[in-house]
Amino acid sequence: MASGSRLLAEQRRRKILEFIEHKGQITVRELASRFSVSAVTARGDLDALCSENLAIRSHGGAVRKLQTGSDTGTASKESQRFSEVARLAKVSLNTVSRVAQ
């Protein structure tokens, strides 16, 4: 039975990641409600995604991971994205910049 629950967790995490990519952020409360799981389970899902470097954990939820590489565009666009992530995650711009590197 453990393998069945593991599969469900992986499926749920894929859906969570899709939601984060689409919306840009998600809260523990939204996850618990959307997937009918406890807040502890929702936090565990977010922690698992963040440990795989697929999202960035923030207070009460998670935000989309910034894309890095040669196709990121100009420094101005990158700065705007960093500012938006910092605002959504309620962390400093410096914190976002360090995580993105």
N, C-alpha and C. Protein backbone atom coordinates (compact mmCIF):
# COMPACT_ATOMS: atom_id res chain seq x y z
N MET A 1 0.82 -1.19 0.00
CA MET A 1 0.00 0.00 0.00
C MET A 1 0.86 1.26 0.00
N ALA A 2 2.05 1.19 0.56
CA ALA A 2 2.93 2.34 0.61
C ALA A 2 3.31 2.82 -0.79
N SER A 3 3.50 1.89 -1.72
CA SER A 3 3.85 2.30 -3.09
C SER A 3 2.70 3.05 -3.75
N GLY A 4 1.45 2.68 -3.44
CA GLY A 4 0.30 3.39 -3.97
C GLY A 4 0.22 4.81 -3.45
N SER A 5 0.48 5.00 -2.16
CA SER A 5 0.44 6.35 -1.60
C SER A 5 1.62 7.17 -2.12
N ARG A 6 2.74 6.51 -2.38
CA ARG A 6 3.91 7.20 -2.95
C ARG A 6 3.58 7.71 -4.35
N LEU A 7 2.90 6.88 -5.13
CA LEU A 7 2.51 7.28 -6.48
C LEU A 7 1.58 8.48 -6.41
N LEU A 8 0.62 8.43 -5.50
CA LEU A 8 -0.30 9.55 -5.36
C LEU A 8 0.44 10.82 -4.96
N ALA A 9 1.43 10.71 -4.07
CA ALA A 9 2.22 11.87 -3.66
C ALA A 9 2.97 12.45 -4.84
N GLU A 10 3.56 11.60 -5.66
CA GLU A 10 4.29 12.08 -6.83
C GLU A 10 3.36 12.76 -7.83
N GLN A 11 2.20 12.18 -8.04
CA GLN A 11 1.21 12.79 -8.94
C GLN A 11 0.77 14.14 -8.41
N ARG A 12 0.51 14.21 -7.12
CA ARG A 12 0.09 15.46 -6.49
C ARG A 12 1.18 16.51 -6.63
N ARG A 13 2.42 16.11 -6.42
CA ARG A 13 3.53 17.07 -6.52
C ARG A 13 3.71 17.58 -7.94
N ARG A 14 3.47 16.73 -8.93
CA ARG A 14 3.53 17.20 -10.32
C ARG A 14 2.46 18.25 -10.57
N LYS A 15 1.26 18.01 -10.05
CA LYS A 15 0.17 18.96 -10.20
C LYS A 15 0.46 20.26 -9.45
N ILE A 16 1.08 20.13 -8.28
CA ILE A 16 1.45 21.32 -7.52
C ILE A 16 2.46 22.14 -8.31
N LEU A 17 3.45 21.48 -8.88
CA LEU A 17 4.46 22.16 -9.67
C LEU A 17 3.84 22.86 -10.88
N GLU A 18 2.91 22.19 -11.55
CA GLU A 18 2.20 22.81 -12.68
C GLU A 18 1.45 24.06 -12.22
N PHE A 19 0.81 23.98 -11.06
CA PHE A 19 0.07 25.11 -10.53
C PHE A 19 1.01 26.27 -10.21
N ILE A 20 2.15 25.97 -9.59
CA ILE A 20 3.14 27.01 -9.28
C ILE A 20 3.65 27.65 -10.57
N GLU A 21 3.94 26.83 -11.58
CA GLU A 21 4.42 27.37 -12.85
C GLU A 21 3.38 28.28 -13.50
N HIS A 22 2.13 27.89 -13.40
CA HIS A 22 1.05 28.67 -14.02
C HIS A 22 0.75 29.95 -13.24
N LYS A 23 0.59 29.83 -11.94
CA LYS A 23 0.16 30.95 -11.10
C LYS A 23 1.34 31.76 -10.56
N GLY A 24 2.50 31.13 -10.42
CA GLY A 24 3.66 31.81 -9.88
C GLY A 24 3.89 31.57 -8.41
N GLN A 25 2.85 31.14 -7.70
CA GLN A 25 2.97 30.89 -6.27
C GLN A 25 1.81 30.03 -5.80
N ILE A 26 1.95 29.47 -4.62
CA ILE A 26 0.86 28.73 -3.99
C ILE A 26 1.09 28.74 -2.49
N THR A 27 0.01 28.72 -1.74
CA THR A 27 0.12 28.69 -0.28
C THR A 27 -0.20 27.30 0.23
N VAL A 28 0.25 27.04 1.44
CA VAL A 28 -0.05 25.76 2.10
C VAL A 28 -1.56 25.61 2.22
N ARG A 29 -2.24 26.69 2.57
CA ARG A 29 -3.70 26.65 2.73
C ARG A 29 -4.38 26.26 1.41
N GLU A 30 -3.92 26.85 0.30
CA GLU A 30 -4.49 26.50 -1.02
C GLU A 30 -4.27 25.02 -1.33
N LEU A 31 -3.06 24.53 -1.06
CA LEU A 31 -2.76 23.13 -1.33
C LEU A 31 -3.63 22.20 -0.51
N ALA A 32 -3.74 22.49 0.77
CA ALA A 32 -4.54 21.64 1.66
C ALA A 32 -5.98 21.57 1.16
N SER A 33 -6.51 22.71 0.75
CA SER A 33 -7.89 22.76 0.27
C SER A 33 -8.03 22.06 -1.09
N ARG A 34 -7.16 22.41 -2.03
CA ARG A 34 -7.24 21.89 -3.40
C ARG A 34 -7.09 20.37 -3.46
N PHE A 35 -6.18 19.81 -2.64
CA PHE A 35 -5.89 18.38 -2.72
C PHE A 35 -6.46 17.58 -1.55
N SER A 36 -7.21 18.23 -0.70
CA SER A 36 -7.81 17.57 0.48
C SER A 36 -6.78 16.81 1.30
N VAL A 37 -5.69 17.52 1.62
CA VAL A 37 -4.63 16.96 2.46
C VAL A 37 -4.43 17.88 3.66
N SER A 38 -3.72 17.39 4.65
CA SER A 38 -3.43 18.21 5.83
C SER A 38 -2.37 19.26 5.48
N ALA A 39 -2.27 20.27 6.33
CA ALA A 39 -1.23 21.29 6.14
C ALA A 39 0.15 20.68 6.25
N VAL A 40 0.30 19.68 7.10
CA VAL A 40 1.59 18.99 7.25
C VAL A 40 1.98 18.29 5.94
N THR A 41 1.02 17.63 5.31
CA THR A 41 1.27 16.98 4.02
C THR A 41 1.61 18.01 2.95
N ALA A 42 0.86 19.11 2.93
CA ALA A 42 1.12 20.16 1.94
C ALA A 42 2.52 20.73 2.12
N ARG A 43 2.92 20.98 3.36
CA ARG A 43 4.27 21.49 3.61
C ARG A 43 5.32 20.47 3.17
N GLY A 44 5.06 19.21 3.43
CA GLY A 44 5.98 18.15 3.01
C GLY A 44 6.14 18.10 1.50
N ASP A 45 5.02 18.27 0.79
CA ASP A 45 5.08 18.31 -0.68
C ASP A 45 5.93 19.49 -1.16
N LEU A 46 5.69 20.66 -0.57
CA LEU A 46 6.47 21.84 -0.96
C LEU A 46 7.94 21.66 -0.62
N ASP A 47 8.22 21.11 0.56
CA ASP A 47 9.61 20.88 0.95
C ASP A 47 10.30 19.91 -0.02
N ALA A 48 9.56 18.89 -0.45
CA ALA A 48 10.13 17.91 -1.40
C ALA A 48 10.44 18.58 -2.73
N LEU A 49 9.52 19.40 -3.23
CA LEU A 49 9.75 20.10 -4.50
C LEU A 49 10.92 21.07 -4.39
N CYS A 50 11.01 21.75 -3.26
CA CYS A 50 12.09 22.71 -3.08
C CYS A 50 13.44 22.01 -2.89
N SER A 51 13.44 20.83 -2.25
CA SER A 51 14.69 20.10 -2.09
C SER A 51 15.21 19.58 -3.43
N GLU A 52 14.31 19.42 -4.39
CA GLU A 52 14.70 19.02 -5.75
C GLU A 52 14.99 20.25 -6.62
N ASN A 53 14.99 21.41 -5.98
CA ASN A 53 15.30 22.67 -6.66
C ASN A 53 14.30 23.01 -7.76
N LEU A 54 13.03 22.64 -7.55
CA LEU A 54 11.99 22.89 -8.54
C LEU A 54 11.14 24.11 -8.19
N ALA A 55 11.22 24.58 -6.95
CA ALA A 55 10.47 25.75 -6.49
C ALA A 55 11.27 26.37 -5.36
N ILE A 56 10.82 27.53 -4.92
CA ILE A 56 11.48 28.22 -3.81
C ILE A 56 10.47 28.35 -2.68
N ARG A 57 10.83 27.83 -1.53
CA ARG A 57 9.95 27.87 -0.36
C ARG A 57 9.90 29.28 0.18
N SER A 58 8.72 29.73 0.53
CA SER A 58 8.54 31.02 1.19
C SER A 58 7.63 30.82 2.38
N HIS A 59 7.53 31.82 3.21
CA HIS A 59 6.68 31.72 4.40
C HIS A 59 5.24 31.46 3.98
N GLY A 60 4.72 30.31 4.37
CA GLY A 60 3.33 29.98 4.08
C GLY A 60 3.07 29.35 2.73
N GLY A 61 4.13 29.09 1.95
CA GLY A 61 3.91 28.51 0.64
C GLY A 61 5.19 28.36 -0.16
N ALA A 62 5.07 28.53 -1.47
CA ALA A 62 6.23 28.44 -2.36
C ALA A 62 5.97 29.30 -3.59
N VAL A 63 7.06 29.68 -4.25
CA VAL A 63 6.98 30.47 -5.48
C VAL A 63 7.76 29.76 -6.58
N ARG A 64 7.51 30.19 -7.79
CA ARG A 64 8.17 29.62 -8.97
C ARG A 64 9.67 29.85 -8.91
N LYS A 65 10.42 28.87 -9.32
CA LYS A 65 11.87 29.00 -9.40
C LYS A 65 12.20 29.86 -10.61
N LEU A 66 13.15 30.73 -10.44
CA LEU A 66 13.57 31.59 -11.54
C LEU A 66 14.34 30.79 -12.56
N GLN A 67 14.13 31.10 -13.82
CA GLN A 67 14.89 30.45 -14.89
C GLN A 67 16.21 31.18 -15.04
N THR A 68 17.30 30.42 -15.10
CA THR A 68 18.61 31.02 -15.30
C THR A 68 19.23 30.44 -16.55
N GLY A 69 20.19 31.13 -17.08
CA GLY A 69 20.87 30.65 -18.28
C GLY A 69 21.00 31.75 -19.30
N SER A 70 21.45 31.39 -20.49
CA SER A 70 21.73 32.39 -21.51
C SER A 70 20.48 33.00 -22.11
N ASP A 71 19.32 32.36 -21.96
CA ASP A 71 18.11 32.88 -22.56
C ASP A 71 17.28 33.71 -21.59
N THR A 72 17.88 34.21 -20.51
CA THR A 72 17.12 34.97 -19.53
C THR A 72 16.77 36.37 -20.00
N GLY A 73 17.40 36.85 -21.06
CA GLY A 73 17.08 38.18 -21.55
C GLY A 73 17.98 39.23 -20.94
N THR A 74 17.52 40.46 -20.97
CA THR A 74 18.33 41.56 -20.48
C THR A 74 18.36 41.60 -18.96
N ALA A 75 19.32 42.34 -18.44
CA ALA A 75 19.44 42.48 -17.00
C ALA A 75 18.20 43.15 -16.41
N SER A 76 17.58 44.03 -17.18
CA SER A 76 16.38 44.72 -16.72
C SER A 76 15.23 43.74 -16.51
N LYS A 77 15.03 42.83 -17.46
CA LYS A 77 13.98 41.82 -17.32
C LYS A 77 14.25 40.92 -16.13
N GLU A 78 15.50 40.54 -15.96
CA GLU A 78 15.88 39.68 -14.84
C GLU A 78 15.62 40.41 -13.53
N SER A 79 15.96 41.66 -13.46
CA SER A 79 15.74 42.45 -12.26
C SER A 79 14.25 42.56 -11.93
N GLN A 80 13.43 42.72 -12.96
CA GLN A 80 11.99 42.79 -12.75
C GLN A 80 11.45 41.46 -12.22
N ARG A 81 11.93 40.36 -12.78
CA ARG A 81 11.50 39.04 -12.31
C ARG A 81 11.92 38.82 -10.87
N PHE A 82 13.17 39.17 -10.55
CA PHE A 82 13.66 39.02 -9.19
C PHE A 82 12.81 39.84 -8.22
N SER A 83 12.49 41.05 -8.62
CA SER A 83 11.67 41.92 -7.77
C SER A 83 10.30 41.32 -7.54
N GLU A 84 9.71 40.76 -8.58
CA GLU A 84 8.38 40.15 -8.46
C GLU A 84 8.42 38.93 -7.55
N VAL A 85 9.42 38.09 -7.69
CA VAL A 85 9.54 36.90 -6.84
C VAL A 85 9.76 37.33 -5.39
N ALA A 86 10.61 38.33 -5.18
CA ALA A 86 10.85 38.82 -3.82
C ALA A 86 9.56 39.33 -3.20
N ARG A 87 8.78 40.04 -3.97
CA ARG A 87 7.50 40.57 -3.48
C ARG A 87 6.56 39.42 -3.12
N LEU A 88 6.41 38.46 -4.03
CA LEU A 88 5.51 37.33 -3.79
C LEU A 88 5.96 36.47 -2.61
N ALA A 89 7.26 36.27 -2.49
CA ALA A 89 7.79 35.43 -1.43
C ALA A 89 7.96 36.19 -0.12
N LYS A 90 7.80 37.50 -0.19
CA LYS A 90 7.96 38.35 1.00
C LYS A 90 9.36 38.19 1.59
N VAL A 91 10.35 38.22 0.69
CA VAL A 91 11.75 38.17 1.10
C VAL A 91 12.47 39.31 0.39
N SER A 92 13.72 39.53 0.77
CA SER A 92 14.48 40.62 0.17
C SER A 92 14.92 40.27 -1.26
N LEU A 93 15.16 41.29 -2.03
CA LEU A 93 15.67 41.12 -3.39
C LEU A 93 17.02 40.42 -3.35
N ASN A 94 17.82 40.73 -2.35
CA ASN A 94 19.13 40.10 -2.18
C ASN A 94 18.99 38.58 -2.00
N THR A 95 17.99 38.16 -1.22
CA THR A 95 17.76 36.73 -1.00
C THR A 95 17.43 36.03 -2.32
N VAL A 96 16.56 36.64 -3.10
CA VAL A 96 16.17 36.05 -4.39
C VAL A 96 17.39 35.97 -5.31
N SER A 97 18.18 37.02 -5.34
CA SER A 97 19.37 37.04 -6.20
C SER A 97 20.35 35.93 -5.83
N ARG A 98 20.53 35.71 -4.52
CA ARG A 98 21.44 34.65 -4.07
C ARG A 98 20.92 33.27 -4.45
N VAL A 99 19.62 33.04 -4.30
CA VAL A 99 19.03 31.74 -4.61
C VAL A 99 19.14 31.46 -6.11
N ALA A 100 18.98 32.48 -6.93
CA ALA A 100 18.99 32.31 -8.38
C ALA A 100 20.37 31.99 -8.92
N GLN A 101 21.42 32.29 -8.18
CA GLN A 101 22.77 32.07 -8.69
C GLN A 101 23.24 30.68 -8.51
